[in-house]
C-alpha atoms as a PDB file:
ATOM      1  CA  MET A   1      84.834 114.682  94.805  1.00  0.00           C
ATOM      2  CA  ARG A   2      88.273 114.406  93.212  1.00  0.00           C
ATOM      3  CA  VAL A   3      89.889 111.046  93.894  1.00  0.00           C
ATOM      4  CA  GLY A   4      93.369 109.622  93.292  1.00  0.00           C
ATOM      5  CA  LEU A   5      94.195 105.929  93.088  1.00  0.00           C
ATOM      6  CA  VAL A   6      97.703 104.618  93.837  1.00  0.00           C
ATOM      7  CA  LEU A   7      98.690 100.989  93.239  1.00  0.00           C
ATOM      8  CA  GLY A   8     102.101 100.039  94.588  1.00  0.00           C
ATOM      9  CA  ALA A   9     104.861  97.625  93.632  1.00  0.00           C
ATOM     10  CA  GLY A  10     105.028  93.984  94.660  1.00  0.00           C
ATOM     11  CA  GLY A  11     106.002  91.575  91.883  1.00  0.00           C
ATOM     12  CA  VAL A  12     103.768  88.682  90.826  1.00  0.00           C
ATOM     13  CA  GLN A  13     102.547  88.105  94.380  1.00  0.00           C
ATOM     14  CA  GLY A  14     101.840  91.804  94.867  1.00  0.00           C
ATOM     15  CA  GLY A  15      99.930  91.906  91.587  1.00  0.00           C
ATOM     16  CA  ALA A  16      97.717  89.083  92.853  1.00  0.00           C
ATOM     17  CA  TRP A  17      97.090  90.928  96.120  1.00  0.00           C
ATOM     18  CA  LEU A  18      96.224  94.113  94.192  1.00  0.00           C
ATOM     19  CA  THR A  19      93.775  92.194  92.000  1.00  0.00           C
ATOM     20  CA  GLY A  20      91.860  90.904  94.996  1.00  0.00           C
ATOM     21  CA  GLY A  21      92.120  94.211  96.822  1.00  0.00           C
ATOM     22  CA  LEU A  22      90.834  96.239  93.889  1.00  0.00           C
ATOM     23  CA  ASP A  23      87.878  93.886  93.489  1.00  0.00           C
ATOM     24  CA  ALA A  24      87.063  94.307  97.186  1.00  0.00           C
ATOM     25  CA  LEU A  25      87.287  98.093  96.829  1.00  0.00           C
ATOM     26  CA  ALA A  26      84.840  98.125  93.913  1.00  0.00           C
ATOM     27  CA  SER A  27      82.438  95.653  95.522  1.00  0.00           C
ATOM     28  CA  GLU A  28      82.398  97.277  98.973  1.00  0.00           C
ATOM     29  CA  THR A  29      82.026 100.886  97.843  1.00  0.00           C
ATOM     30  CA  GLY A  30      80.239 100.648  94.482  1.00  0.00           C
ATOM     31  CA  TRP A  31      82.910 103.008  93.133  1.00  0.00           C
ATOM     32  CA  ASP A  32      84.644 102.242  89.854  1.00  0.00           C
ATOM     33  CA  PRO A  33      88.441 102.528  90.329  1.00  0.00           C
ATOM     34  CA  ALA A  34      88.851 103.302  86.626  1.00  0.00           C
ATOM     35  CA  THR A  35      87.064 106.631  87.164  1.00  0.00           C
ATOM     36  CA  ALA A  36      89.699 107.997  89.568  1.00  0.00           C
ATOM     37  CA  ASP A  37      90.820 111.477  88.527  1.00  0.00           C
ATOM     38  CA  VAL A  38      94.489 110.452  88.755  1.00  0.00           C
ATOM     39  CA  VAL A  39      95.791 106.861  88.645  1.00  0.00           C
ATOM     40  CA  VAL A  40      99.394 106.085  89.650  1.00  0.00           C
ATOM     41  CA  GLY A  41     100.888 102.620  89.153  1.00  0.00           C
ATOM     42  CA  THR A  42     104.341 101.353  90.093  1.00  0.00           C
ATOM     43  CA  SER A  43     105.763  98.019  88.926  1.00  0.00           C
ATOM     44  CA  ALA A  44     103.035  95.374  89.479  1.00  0.00           C
ATOM     45  CA  GLY A  45     100.684  98.255  90.260  1.00  0.00           C
ATOM     46  CA  SER A  46     101.335  99.721  86.821  1.00  0.00           C
ATOM     47  CA  VAL A  47     100.095  96.506  85.177  1.00  0.00           C
ATOM     48  CA  ILE A  48      96.893  96.303  87.233  1.00  0.00           C
ATOM     49  CA  ALA A  49      96.235 100.049  86.881  1.00  0.00           C
ATOM     50  CA  SER A  50      96.706  99.923  83.099  1.00  0.00           C
ATOM     51  CA  LEU A  51      94.287  97.016  82.727  1.00  0.00           C
ATOM     52  CA  CYS A  52      91.754  98.733  84.969  1.00  0.00           C
ATOM     53  CA  VAL A  53      91.706 102.146  83.251  1.00  0.00           C
ATOM     54  CA  ALA A  54      91.583 100.418  79.858  1.00  0.00           C
ATOM     55  CA  GLY A  55      88.204  98.919  80.755  1.00  0.00           C
ATOM     56  CA  THR A  56      88.954  95.604  82.469  1.00  0.00           C
ATOM     57  CA  PRO A  57      86.881  95.519  85.686  1.00  0.00           C
ATOM     58  CA  PRO A  58      88.496  94.005  88.787  1.00  0.00           C
ATOM     59  CA  TRP A  59      85.918  91.205  89.077  1.00  0.00           C
ATOM     60  CA  PHE A  60      86.932  90.036  85.582  1.00  0.00           C
ATOM     61  CA  MET A  61      90.621  90.000  86.551  1.00  0.00           C
ATOM     62  CA  VAL A  62      89.738  87.780  89.521  1.00  0.00           C
ATOM     63  CA  ALA A  63      87.573  85.439  87.449  1.00  0.00           C
ATOM     64  CA  HIS A  64      90.118  85.211  84.634  1.00  0.00           C
ATOM     65  CA  SER A  65      92.945  84.383  87.034  1.00  0.00           C
ATOM     66  CA  ALA A  66      90.810  81.648  88.604  1.00  0.00           C
ATOM     67  CA  GLY A  67      90.363  79.999  85.204  1.00  0.00           C
ATOM     68  CA  GLU A  68      86.803  81.044  84.391  1.00  0.00           C
ATOM     69  CA  THR A  69      85.888  81.362  80.716  1.00  0.00           C
ATOM     70  CA  PHE A  70      83.440  83.725  79.022  1.00  0.00           C
ATOM     71  CA  ASP A  71      82.073  82.844  75.600  1.00  0.00           C
ATOM     72  CA  GLY A  72      82.266  85.672  73.078  1.00  0.00           C
ATOM     73  CA  VAL A  73      84.856  87.684  75.018  1.00  0.00           C
ATOM     74  CA  VAL A  74      87.950  88.476  72.952  1.00  0.00           C
ATOM     75  CA  ASP A  75      91.078  90.525  73.563  1.00  0.00           C
ATOM     76  CA  ALA A  76      92.211  93.596  71.640  1.00  0.00           C
ATOM     77  CA  ARG A  77      93.561  91.390  68.853  1.00  0.00           C
ATOM     78  CA  GLY A  78      90.426  89.305  68.522  1.00  0.00           C
ATOM     79  CA  ARG A  79      91.748  86.248  70.351  1.00  0.00           C
ATOM     80  CA  PRO A  80      89.249  84.373  72.578  1.00  0.00           C
ATOM     81  CA  GLN A  81      89.519  84.958  76.301  1.00  0.00           C
ATOM     82  CA  GLN A  82      89.975  81.206  76.806  1.00  0.00           C
ATOM     83  CA  GLU A  83      93.399  81.433  75.134  1.00  0.00           C
ATOM     84  CA  ALA A  84      94.662  84.416  77.135  1.00  0.00           C
ATOM     85  CA  ASP A  85      97.574  84.125  79.553  1.00  0.00           C
ATOM     86  CA  ARG A  86      96.519  83.487  83.165  1.00  0.00           C
ATOM     87  CA  ALA A  87      99.963  83.540  84.760  1.00  0.00           C
ATOM     88  CA  GLY A  88      99.699  87.125  86.021  1.00  0.00           C
ATOM     89  CA  GLY A  89     103.124  88.095  84.703  1.00  0.00           C
ATOM     90  CA  ALA A  90     104.907  84.914  85.825  1.00  0.00           C
ATOM     91  CA  ARG A  91     106.215  84.091  82.347  1.00  0.00           C
ATOM     92  CA  PHE A  92     109.988  84.333  82.236  1.00  0.00           C
ATOM     93  CA  ARG A  93     112.350  83.987  79.306  1.00  0.00           C
ATOM     94  CA  LEU A  94     115.840  85.251  78.592  1.00  0.00           C
ATOM     95  CA  GLU A  95     116.427  88.547  76.838  1.00  0.00           C
ATOM     96  CA  ARG A  96     118.185  88.231  73.494  1.00  0.00           C
ATOM     97  CA  ALA A  97     121.256  90.223  74.500  1.00  0.00           C
ATOM     98  CA  TRP A  98     124.821  89.514  75.545  1.00  0.00           C
ATOM     99  CA  PRO A  99     125.374  89.458  79.322  1.00  0.00           C
ATOM    100  CA  ARG A 100     127.331  92.406  80.687  1.00  0.00           C
ATOM    101  CA  ILE A 101     130.132  91.983  83.189  1.00  0.00           C
ATOM    102  CA  GLY A 102     130.217  94.365  86.165  1.00  0.00           C
ATOM    103  CA  PRO A 103     127.579  96.779  87.529  1.00  0.00           C
ATOM    104  CA  GLY A 104     124.358  97.084  85.600  1.00  0.00           C
ATOM    105  CA  SER A 105     124.685 100.880  85.457  1.00  0.00           C
ATOM    106  CA  TRP A 106     128.104 102.451  85.999  1.00  0.00           C
ATOM    107  CA  PRO A 107     126.668 106.017  85.811  1.00  0.00           C
ATOM    108  CA  LEU A 108     124.119 105.332  88.564  1.00  0.00           C
ATOM    109  CA  ALA A 109     126.612 103.401  90.676  1.00  0.00           C
ATOM    110  CA  LEU A 110     129.144 106.247  90.572  1.00  0.00           C
ATOM    111  CA  ARG A 111     126.533 108.937  91.207  1.00  0.00           C
ATOM    112  CA  ALA A 112     125.306 107.058  94.277  1.00  0.00           C
ATOM    113  CA  LEU A 113     128.892 106.697  95.468  1.00  0.00           C
ATOM    114  CA  ARG A 114     129.588 110.443  95.123  1.00  0.00           C
ATOM    115  CA  GLU A 115     126.274 111.636  96.631  1.00  0.00           C
ATOM    116  CA  PRO A 116     124.862 108.787  98.742  1.00  0.00           C
ATOM    117  CA  ARG A 117     122.323 110.995 100.548  1.00  0.00           C
ATOM    118  CA  ARG A 118     120.541 111.803  97.308  1.00  0.00           C
ATOM    119  CA  TYR A 119     119.608 108.177  96.651  1.00  0.00           C
ATOM    120  CA  THR A 120     117.556 105.577  98.450  1.00  0.00           C
ATOM    121  CA  PRO A 121     119.441 102.390  99.380  1.00  0.00           C
ATOM    122  CA  ALA A 122     117.456 100.483  96.757  1.00  0.00           C
ATOM    123  CA  THR A 123     118.447 102.972  94.048  1.00  0.00           C
ATOM    124  CA  ALA A 124     122.117 102.867  95.025  1.00  0.00           C
ATOM    125  CA  LEU A 125     122.173  99.066  95.061  1.00  0.00           C
ATOM    126  CA  SER A 126     120.441  98.979  91.682  1.00  0.00           C
ATOM    127  CA  GLY A 127     123.376 100.701  90.039  1.00  0.00           C
ATOM    128  CA  TRP A 128     125.890  98.209  91.428  1.00  0.00           C
ATOM    129  CA  ALA A 129     123.754  95.100  90.851  1.00  0.00           C
ATOM    130  CA  PRO A 130     124.387  93.140  87.629  1.00  0.00           C
ATOM    131  CA  ARG A 131     122.181  93.821  84.639  1.00  0.00           C
ATOM    132  CA  GLY A 132     119.130  91.552  84.547  1.00  0.00           C
ATOM    133  CA  LEU A 133     118.748  88.806  81.949  1.00  0.00           C
ATOM    134  CA  ILE A 134     114.971  88.228  81.879  1.00  0.00           C
ATOM    135  CA  SER A 135     112.942  89.758  79.042  1.00  0.00           C
ATOM    136  CA  THR A 136     110.041  92.122  79.776  1.00  0.00           C
ATOM    137  CA  GLU A 137     108.320  91.130  76.517  1.00  0.00           C
ATOM    138  CA  PRO A 138     105.672  88.950  78.290  1.00  0.00           C
ATOM    139  CA  ILE A 139     104.673  92.004  80.346  1.00  0.00           C
ATOM    140  CA  LYS A 140     104.321  94.073  77.183  1.00  0.00           C
ATOM    141  CA  GLU A 141     102.129  91.342  75.691  1.00  0.00           C
ATOM    142  CA  ILE A 142      99.725  91.557  78.640  1.00  0.00           C
ATOM    143  CA  ILE A 143      99.234  95.276  78.014  1.00  0.00           C
ATOM    144  CA  ARG A 144      98.973  94.904  74.223  1.00  0.00           C
ATOM    145  CA  SER A 145      96.226  92.317  74.657  1.00  0.00           C
ATOM    146  CA  VAL A 146      94.041  94.993  76.264  1.00  0.00           C
ATOM    147  CA  VAL A 147      95.342  98.289  74.844  1.00  0.00           C
ATOM    148  CA  PRO A 148      96.460  97.691  71.236  1.00  0.00           C
ATOM    149  CA  ASN A 149      97.415 101.253  70.306  1.00  0.00           C
ATOM    150  CA  GLY A 150      98.810 103.995  72.517  1.00  0.00           C
ATOM    151  CA  TRP A 151      97.348 104.728  75.939  1.00  0.00           C
ATOM    152  CA  SER A 152      93.819 104.051  77.164  1.00  0.00           C
ATOM    153  CA  GLY A 153      92.633 107.650  76.984  1.00  0.00           C
ATOM    154  CA  HIS A 154      92.448 108.218  80.744  1.00  0.00           C
ATOM    155  CA  PRO A 155      93.240 111.919  81.374  1.00  0.00           C
ATOM    156  CA  ALA A 156      95.799 111.273  84.139  1.00  0.00           C
ATOM    157  CA  HIS A 157      97.223 107.756  84.130  1.00  0.00           C
ATOM    158  CA  TRP A 158     100.855 107.699  85.258  1.00  0.00           C
ATOM    159  CA  VAL A 159     103.302 104.804  85.089  1.00  0.00           C
ATOM    160  CA  ILE A 160     106.340 105.170  87.367  1.00  0.00           C
ATOM    161  CA  ALA A 161     109.843 104.074  86.325  1.00  0.00           C
ATOM    162  CA  CYS A 162     113.400 105.217  87.059  1.00  0.00           C
ATOM    163  CA  ASP A 163     116.124 106.382  84.699  1.00  0.00           C
ATOM    164  CA  TYR A 164     118.845 103.720  84.913  1.00  0.00           C
ATOM    165  CA  ALA A 165     121.658 106.251  84.530  1.00  0.00           C
ATOM    166  CA  THR A 166     120.509 108.935  86.949  1.00  0.00           C
ATOM    167  CA  GLY A 167     118.058 107.193  89.296  1.00  0.00           C
ATOM    168  CA  ARG A 168     115.577 109.979  88.543  1.00  0.00           C
ATOM    169  CA  ARG A 169     111.914 109.080  88.935  1.00  0.00           C
ATOM    170  CA  VAL A 170     109.839 109.436  85.768  1.00  0.00           C
ATOM    171  CA  ALA A 171     106.032 109.423  85.610  1.00  0.00           C
ATOM    172  CA  PHE A 172     105.282 108.239  82.073  1.00  0.00           C
ATOM    173  CA  GLY A 173     101.947 109.599  80.897  1.00  0.00           C
ATOM    174  CA  ARG A 174     102.441 112.926  82.639  1.00  0.00           C
ATOM    175  CA  ASP A 175     103.001 116.033  80.523  1.00  0.00           C
ATOM    176  CA  ASP A 176     106.608 116.504  81.667  1.00  0.00           C
ATOM    177  CA  ALA A 177     107.643 112.882  80.935  1.00  0.00           C
ATOM    178  CA  PRO A 178     109.316 111.632  77.739  1.00  0.00           C
ATOM    179  CA  PRO A 179     106.880 110.149  75.211  1.00  0.00           C
ATOM    180  CA  ALA A 180     106.505 106.383  75.526  1.00  0.00           C
ATOM    181  CA  ASP A 181     104.188 103.626  74.334  1.00  0.00           C
ATOM    182  CA  LEU A 182     102.151 102.205  77.205  1.00  0.00           C
ATOM    183  CA  PRO A 183     103.536  98.619  76.933  1.00  0.00           C
ATOM    184  CA  ASP A 184     107.102  99.982  77.063  1.00  0.00           C
ATOM    185  CA  ALA A 185     106.309 102.268  80.002  1.00  0.00           C
ATOM    186  CA  VAL A 186     104.708  99.440  82.002  1.00  0.00           C
ATOM    187  CA  ALA A 187     107.594  97.079  81.168  1.00  0.00           C
ATOM    188  CA  ALA A 188     110.068  99.726  82.358  1.00  0.00           C
ATOM    189  CA  SER A 189     108.100 100.197  85.574  1.00  0.00           C
ATOM    190  CA  CYS A 190     108.337  96.431  86.185  1.00  0.00           C
ATOM    191  CA  ALA A 191     112.017  95.988  85.192  1.00  0.00           C
ATOM    192  CA  ILE A 192     113.490  94.922  88.544  1.00  0.00           C
ATOM    193  CA  PRO A 193     117.265  95.514  88.437  1.00  0.00           C
ATOM    194  CA  ALA A 194     119.387  92.327  88.427  1.00  0.00           C
ATOM    195  CA  PHE A 195     116.313  90.364  87.282  1.00  0.00           C
ATOM    196  CA  TYR A 196     114.728  92.018  84.231  1.00  0.00           C
ATOM    197  CA  TYR A 197     116.683  93.497  81.351  1.00  0.00           C
ATOM    198  CA  PRO A 198     116.315  97.323  81.324  1.00  0.00           C
ATOM    199  CA  VAL A 199     113.795  98.832  78.915  1.00  0.00           C
ATOM    200  CA  SER A 200     114.960 101.340  76.329  1.00  0.00           C
ATOM    201  CA  ILE A 201     112.688 104.343  75.700  1.00  0.00           C
ATOM    202  CA  GLY A 202     113.826 107.286  73.611  1.00  0.00           C
ATOM    203  CA  GLY A 203     117.436 106.141  73.699  1.00  0.00           C
ATOM    204  CA  ARG A 204     117.592 105.897  77.507  1.00  0.00           C
ATOM    205  CA  SER A 205     117.346 102.841  79.778  1.00  0.00           C
ATOM    206  CA  TYR A 206     114.700 102.589  82.486  1.00  0.00           C
ATOM    207  CA  VAL A 207     114.118 100.203  85.389  1.00  0.00           C
ATOM    208  CA  ASP A 208     111.555  99.515  88.108  1.00  0.00           C
ATOM    209  CA  GLY A 209     109.985 102.618  89.683  1.00  0.00           C
ATOM    210  CA  GLY A 210     109.915 100.731  92.982  1.00  0.00           C
ATOM    211  CA  ILE A 211     113.637 101.399  93.524  1.00  0.00           C
ATOM    212  CA  TYR A 212     112.676 105.015  94.248  1.00  0.00           C
ATOM    213  CA  SER A 213     109.488 104.233  96.164  1.00  0.00           C
ATOM    214  CA  THR A 214     107.194 101.220  96.220  1.00  0.00           C
ATOM    215  CA  SER A 215     104.169 103.531  96.417  1.00  0.00           C
ATOM    216  CA  ASN A 216     105.090 106.985  95.000  1.00  0.00           C
ATOM    217  CA  LEU A 217     102.105 108.407  96.839  1.00  0.00           C
ATOM    218  CA  ASP A 218     103.791 111.792  97.216  1.00  0.00           C
ATOM    219  CA  LEU A 219     103.362 112.513  93.495  1.00  0.00           C
ATOM    220  CA  LEU A 220      99.744 113.475  94.232  1.00  0.00           C
ATOM    221  CA  ARG A 221     100.314 115.984  97.026  1.00  0.00           C
ATOM    222  CA  ASP A 222      99.920 119.104  94.847  1.00  0.00           C
ATOM    223  CA  HIS A 223      96.984 118.024  92.695  1.00  0.00           C
ATOM    224  CA  GLU A 224      94.054 119.374  94.742  1.00  0.00           C
ATOM    225  CA  LEU A 225      92.515 115.973  95.344  1.00  0.00           C
ATOM    226  CA  ASP A 226      89.973 115.353  98.089  1.00  0.00           C
ATOM    227  CA  LEU A 227      90.951 111.745  98.710  1.00  0.00           C
ATOM    228  CA  VAL A 228      93.708 109.345  97.671  1.00  0.00           C
ATOM    229  CA  ILE A 229      93.205 105.588  97.985  1.00  0.00           C
ATOM    230  CA  CYS A 230      96.470 103.658  98.094  1.00  0.00           C
ATOM    231  CA  LEU A 231      96.858  99.882  97.925  1.00  0.00           C
ATOM    232  CA  ASN A 232     100.456  98.987  98.773  1.00  0.00           C
ATOM    233  CA  PRO A 233     101.360  95.269  98.719  1.00  0.00           C
ATOM    234  CA  THR A 234     104.902  95.523 100.127  1.00  0.00           C
ATOM    235  CA  SER A 235     104.194  97.200 103.470  1.00  0.00           C
ATOM    236  CA  SER A 236     102.031  95.776 106.254  1.00  0.00           C
ATOM    237  CA  LEU A 237      99.583  96.923 108.902  1.00  0.00           C
ATOM    238  CA  HIS A 238     100.801  94.266 111.319  1.00  0.00           C
ATOM    239  CA  PRO A 239     104.182  94.157 113.052  1.00  0.00           C
ATOM    240  CA  VAL A 240     106.289  91.503 111.358  1.00  0.00           C
ATOM    241  CA  ARG A 241     108.806  89.386 113.265  1.00  0.00           C
ATOM    242  CA  ALA A 242     110.943  86.684 111.742  1.00  0.00           C
ATOM    243  CA  LEU A 243     113.014  84.099 113.587  1.00  0.00           C
ATOM    244  CA  ASP A 244     114.016  82.432 110.320  1.00  0.00           C
ATOM    245  CA  PRO A 245     117.061  84.259 108.848  1.00  0.00           C
ATOM    246  CA  ARG A 246     115.660  83.598 105.381  1.00  0.00           C
ATOM    247  CA  GLU A 247     112.807  85.965 106.234  1.00  0.00           C
ATOM    248  CA  TRP A 248     115.028  88.849 107.312  1.00  0.00           C
ATOM    249  CA  PRO A 249     115.481  90.438 103.839  1.00  0.00           C
ATOM    250  CA  THR A 250     111.708  90.400 103.321  1.00  0.00           C
ATOM    251  CA  LEU A 251     111.183  91.849 106.783  1.00  0.00           C
ATOM    252  CA  ALA A 252     113.650  94.686 106.147  1.00  0.00           C
ATOM    253  CA  PHE A 253     112.059  95.406 102.775  1.00  0.00           C
ATOM    254  CA  ARG A 254     108.535  95.614 104.234  1.00  0.00           C
ATOM    255  CA  ARG A 255     109.651  97.880 107.054  1.00  0.00           C
ATOM    256  CA  ALA A 256     111.426 100.234 104.638  1.00  0.00           C
ATOM    257  CA  SER A 257     108.381 100.262 102.367  1.00  0.00           C
ATOM    258  CA  GLY A 258     106.105 101.062 105.314  1.00  0.00           C
ATOM    259  CA  ARG A 259     108.337 103.907 106.539  1.00  0.00           C
ATOM    260  CA  ARG A 260     108.417 105.431 103.071  1.00  0.00           C
ATOM    261  CA  LEU A 261     104.639 105.115 102.736  1.00  0.00           C
ATOM    262  CA  GLY A 262     104.142 106.781 106.115  1.00  0.00           C
ATOM    263  CA  SER A 263     106.407 109.672 105.171  1.00  0.00           C
ATOM    264  CA  GLU A 264     104.627 110.196 101.854  1.00  0.00           C
ATOM    265  CA  THR A 265     101.228 110.076 103.556  1.00  0.00           C
ATOM    266  CA  LYS A 266     102.236 112.821 106.007  1.00  0.00           C
ATOM    267  CA  LYS A 267     103.213 115.065 103.090  1.00  0.00           C
ATOM    268  CA  LEU A 268      99.917 114.345 101.348  1.00  0.00           C
ATOM    269  CA  ARG A 269      97.802 115.092 104.418  1.00  0.00           C
ATOM    270  CA  ALA A 270      99.813 118.217 105.179  1.00  0.00           C
ATOM    271  CA  GLY A 271      98.610 119.552 101.831  1.00  0.00           C
ATOM    272  CA  GLY A 272      94.974 118.986 102.785  1.00  0.00           C
ATOM    273  CA  THR A 273      94.334 115.673 101.017  1.00  0.00           C
ATOM    274  CA  GLU A 274      92.854 112.767 102.940  1.00  0.00           C
ATOM    275  CA  ALA A 275      94.298 109.290 102.395  1.00  0.00           C
ATOM    276  CA  VAL A 276      93.018 105.745 102.816  1.00  0.00           C
ATOM    277  CA  LEU A 277      95.913 103.299 103.073  1.00  0.00           C
ATOM    278  CA  ILE A 278      95.204  99.628 102.393  1.00  0.00           C
ATOM    279  CA  GLN A 279      98.020  97.182 103.190  1.00  0.00           C
ATOM    280  CA  PRO A 280      98.442  93.445 103.723  1.00  0.00           C
ATOM    281  CA  VAL A 281      97.602  92.129 107.180  1.00  0.00           C
ATOM    282  CA  GLY A 282      98.892  89.049 108.971  1.00  0.00           C
ATOM    283  CA  GLU A 283      96.543  86.708 107.110  1.00  0.00           C
ATOM    284  CA  ASP A 284      97.808  88.033 103.767  1.00  0.00           C
ATOM    285  CA  LEU A 285     101.438  87.627 104.791  1.00  0.00           C
ATOM    286  CA  GLY A 286     100.706  84.022 105.680  1.00  0.00           C
ATOM    287  CA  VAL A 287      99.894  83.187 102.040  1.00  0.00           C
ATOM    288  CA  ILE A 288     102.132  85.625 100.140  1.00  0.00           C
ATOM    289  CA  SER A 289     105.303  83.844  99.048  1.00  0.00           C
ATOM    290  CA  ARG A 290     108.679  85.053 100.298  1.00  0.00           C
ATOM    291  CA  ASN A 291     109.679  85.163  96.623  1.00  0.00           C
ATOM    292  CA  LEU A 292     107.510  87.962  95.232  1.00  0.00           C
ATOM    293  CA  MET A 293     108.117  86.770  91.660  1.00  0.00           C
ATOM    294  CA  SER A 294     106.694  83.312  92.365  1.00  0.00           C
ATOM    295  CA  ALA A 295     103.372  82.234  90.854  1.00  0.00           C
ATOM    296  CA  ARG A 296     102.722  79.935  93.830  1.00  0.00           C
ATOM    297  CA  ASN A 297      99.425  80.514  95.668  1.00  0.00           C
ATOM    298  CA  ARG A 298      98.416  83.382  93.345  1.00  0.00           C
ATOM    299  CA  ASN A 299      94.705  82.617  93.491  1.00  0.00           C
ATOM    300  CA  LEU A 300      94.861  82.019  97.231  1.00  0.00           C
ATOM    301  CA  VAL A 301      96.525  85.431  97.610  1.00  0.00           C
ATOM    302  CA  ILE A 302      93.730  86.987  95.516  1.00  0.00           C
ATOM    303  CA  GLU A 303      90.940  85.370  97.527  1.00  0.00           C
ATOM    304  CA  THR A 304      92.572  86.255 100.840  1.00  0.00           C
ATOM    305  CA  ALA A 305      93.005  89.893  99.761  1.00  0.00           C
ATOM    306  CA  ARG A 306      89.354  90.128  98.719  1.00  0.00           C
ATOM    307  CA  ARG A 307      88.389  89.244 102.289  1.00  0.00           C
ATOM    308  CA  THR A 308      91.028  91.156 104.260  1.00  0.00           C
ATOM    309  CA  VAL A 309      90.755  94.336 102.187  1.00  0.00           C
ATOM    310  CA  ALA A 310      86.959  94.289 102.487  1.00  0.00           C
ATOM    311  CA  GLU A 311      87.357  94.084 106.271  1.00  0.00           C
ATOM    312  CA  GLN A 312      89.753  97.045 106.254  1.00  0.00           C
ATOM    313  CA  LEU A 313      87.362  99.128 104.164  1.00  0.00           C
ATOM    314  CA  ARG A 314      84.572  98.560 106.706  1.00  0.00           C
ATOM    315  CA  ARG A 315      86.534 100.200 109.496  1.00  0.00           C
ATOM    316  CA  PRO A 316      84.871 103.446 110.693  1.00  0.00           C
ATOM    317  CA  GLU A 317      87.873 105.646 109.826  1.00  0.00           C
ATOM    318  CA  HIS A 318      87.855 104.333 106.243  1.00  0.00           C
ATOM    319  CA  ARG A 319      84.107 103.925 105.824  1.00  0.00           C
ATOM    320  CA  ASP A 320      83.431 107.588 106.575  1.00  0.00           C
ATOM    321  CA  LEU A 321      85.968 108.782 103.986  1.00  0.00           C
ATOM    322  CA  LEU A 322      84.795 106.333 101.333  1.00  0.00           C
ATOM    323  CA  ALA A 323      81.113 107.139 101.826  1.00  0.00           C
ATOM    324  CA  GLU A 324      81.384 110.178  99.559  1.00  0.00           C
ATOM    325  CA  LEU A 325      82.870 108.318  96.587  1.00  0.00           C
ATOM    326  CA  PRO A 326      80.877 108.861  93.384  1.00  0.00           C
ATOM    327  CA  PRO A 327      78.804 105.794  92.422  1.00  0.00           C
ATOM    328  CA  GLY A 328      79.964 103.598  89.574  1.00  0.00           C
ATOM    329  CA  ASP A 329      78.162 101.421  87.060  1.00  0.00           C
ATOM    330  CA  PRO A 330      76.963  98.285  88.940  1.00  0.00           C
ATOM    331  CA  ARG A 331      77.371  96.189  85.780  1.00  0.00           C
ATOM    332  CA  ARG A 332      81.057  97.079  85.668  1.00  0.00           C
ATOM    333  CA  VAL A 333      82.069  97.130  89.306  1.00  0.00           C
ATOM    334  CA  CYS A 334      80.549  93.733  90.139  1.00  0.00           C
ATOM    335  CA  ARG A 335      79.911  90.468  88.304  1.00  0.00           C
ATOM    336  CA  PRO A 336      77.023  90.676  85.785  1.00  0.00           C
ATOM    337  CA  ASP A 337      75.334  87.682  87.435  1.00  0.00           C
ATOM    338  CA  GLY A 338      75.836  89.070  90.943  1.00  0.00           C
ATOM    339  CA  PRO A 339      73.839  91.624  92.948  1.00  0.00           C
ATOM    340  CA  PRO A 340      74.373  95.308  92.132  1.00  0.00           C
ATOM    341  CA  THR A 341      76.689  97.120  94.507  1.00  0.00           C
ATOM    342  CA  GLN A 342      74.449 100.156  94.789  1.00  0.00           C
ATOM    343  CA  TRP A 343      70.941 101.281  93.877  1.00  0.00           C
ATOM    344  CA  PRO A 344      69.917 104.331  91.803  1.00  0.00           C
ATOM    345  CA  ASP A 345      69.687 107.661  93.551  1.00  0.00           C
ATOM    346  CA  LEU A 346      66.279 108.355  95.164  1.00  0.00           C
ATOM    347  CA  ASP A 347      65.873 111.539  93.142  1.00  0.00           C
ATOM    348  CA  GLU A 348      66.352 109.527  89.945  1.00  0.00           C
ATOM    349  CA  ILE A 349      63.716 107.032  91.098  1.00  0.00           C
ATOM    350  CA  ARG A 350      61.225 109.835  91.811  1.00  0.00           C
ATOM    351  CA  GLU A 351      61.892 111.345  88.399  1.00  0.00           C
ATOM    352  CA  LEU A 352      61.333 108.021  86.660  1.00  0.00           C
ATOM    353  CA  VAL A 353      58.081 107.443  88.585  1.00  0.00           C
ATOM    354  CA  SER A 354      56.850 110.952  87.708  1.00  0.00           C
ATOM    355  CA  GLU A 355      57.634 110.386  84.033  1.00  0.00           C
ATOM    356  CA  HIS A 356      55.820 107.057  84.138  1.00  0.00           C
ATOM    357  CA  PHE A 357      52.611 108.539  85.620  1.00  0.00           C
ATOM    358  CA  ALA A 358      52.776 111.535  83.270  1.00  0.00           C
ATOM    359  CA  ALA A 359      52.959 109.179  80.310  1.00  0.00           C
ATOM    360  CA  THR A 360      50.074 107.086  81.717  1.00  0.00           C
ATOM    361  CA  ARG A 361      47.815 110.129  82.159  1.00  0.00           C
ATOM    362  CA  GLY A 362      48.729 111.284  78.643  1.00  0.00           C
END
């Protein structure tokens, strides 16, 4: 079974929801998300995906965020796990660069003005918005702490960003993308226009891949996959109504994200690939902050997602599709001191028993 994994955008709050959701996925199915044939990450999803494919199991991400410590565990630079950052990307400092007056990207702003139908509203607004002032260096440090040199070695791990001059979507890690170090690619994928300073790669500036699509699920429609599992923090399964005018921008954003996800899913299924879509429900929205870059309630968001995503995965329409997932290593997909998420195959047990009796008779 060939499986794709897509982790969508969502800022600090979305990253927390993805952490809990990915842990629920591994625990409920016994499948290791790191073994997906293709892994696509956008913005916050690019951080979580990069940590996962580099060998950090979801249960460890949950435990680390909650403040648990593990003696003898060190990062890629030899630093003890107790000293590692637990803010989940919510470390903000100014970029060492002079502020720029006017639109953040004149080329993108003018292109969107000349050909508005070619660009999503988010992409068009990104050109006109002022250039961000916050450094992406803390995001790069998160990736360097796990993957010190180059990429993790996964055969198809893609990090989605957008060219700041053209608005063109770029899947770093894919053969047709410009070469980039993984920390730079992830930082570019997370560089929200008007907030983060753009990331320079190969002489060009890149910003958040979420301005093109918060999910980018459609990238997998021609890759002969049997199933794609998508966790998308910025859409919702439940209808969202807001009487408070302060909630209206968030409401509009979630609706646009959901419409885009639905359109991409139709294209994927039209090509013969099944899809399991996991999205926040009402209980999740009750704890996710209106400000997606806020660190408030991060661990509550994680714990809520672990429960709500597990409930979604148990639905008959999802359970039947997920039943064929290849089994993972129980020691990796669940806590070492917890119960295994699946047992060995019966044929393996019979073989072991036969070998045991053969050795006894010998």
